[in-house]
Amino acid sequence: MLTKPDIHALLEQAFYATAPKEQHDAFSLSLNILGAEGVFDSMDAMFFLTKVDDLLSEAVGTDVVLTGDDAFSRETTPFRTMGTLAEYIETLYAQE
């Protein structure tokens, strides 16, 4: 299982692997992933989320797909900010 610090580090690692270098200083849990103020356009957001899936799969030892029906059936998107994504991952994989 993953701890909050594990999840935050994983998101940061995925961000650094997919965001342009000039954006690296922008990482925080309040950083918008999508939308007008988002750090990623739609294609780059998919690259980022795929990287998160890959890193999570390695960490938990099973295939992970965060962009499944559960994510999109929620009242608010878990992909709004790094913090909302971290919370979503916590609900799925965090250590109790």
Foldseek 3Di string as FASTA:
>chain_A
DAALVRLLVLLLVLCVVQAPPVCNVVDDQAAFCDDPRHRDYPVSSVSSQVSSQVSVCVVVVHGDHPPDPVQVVDPDHCRGGNNSVSVVVCVVDHDD
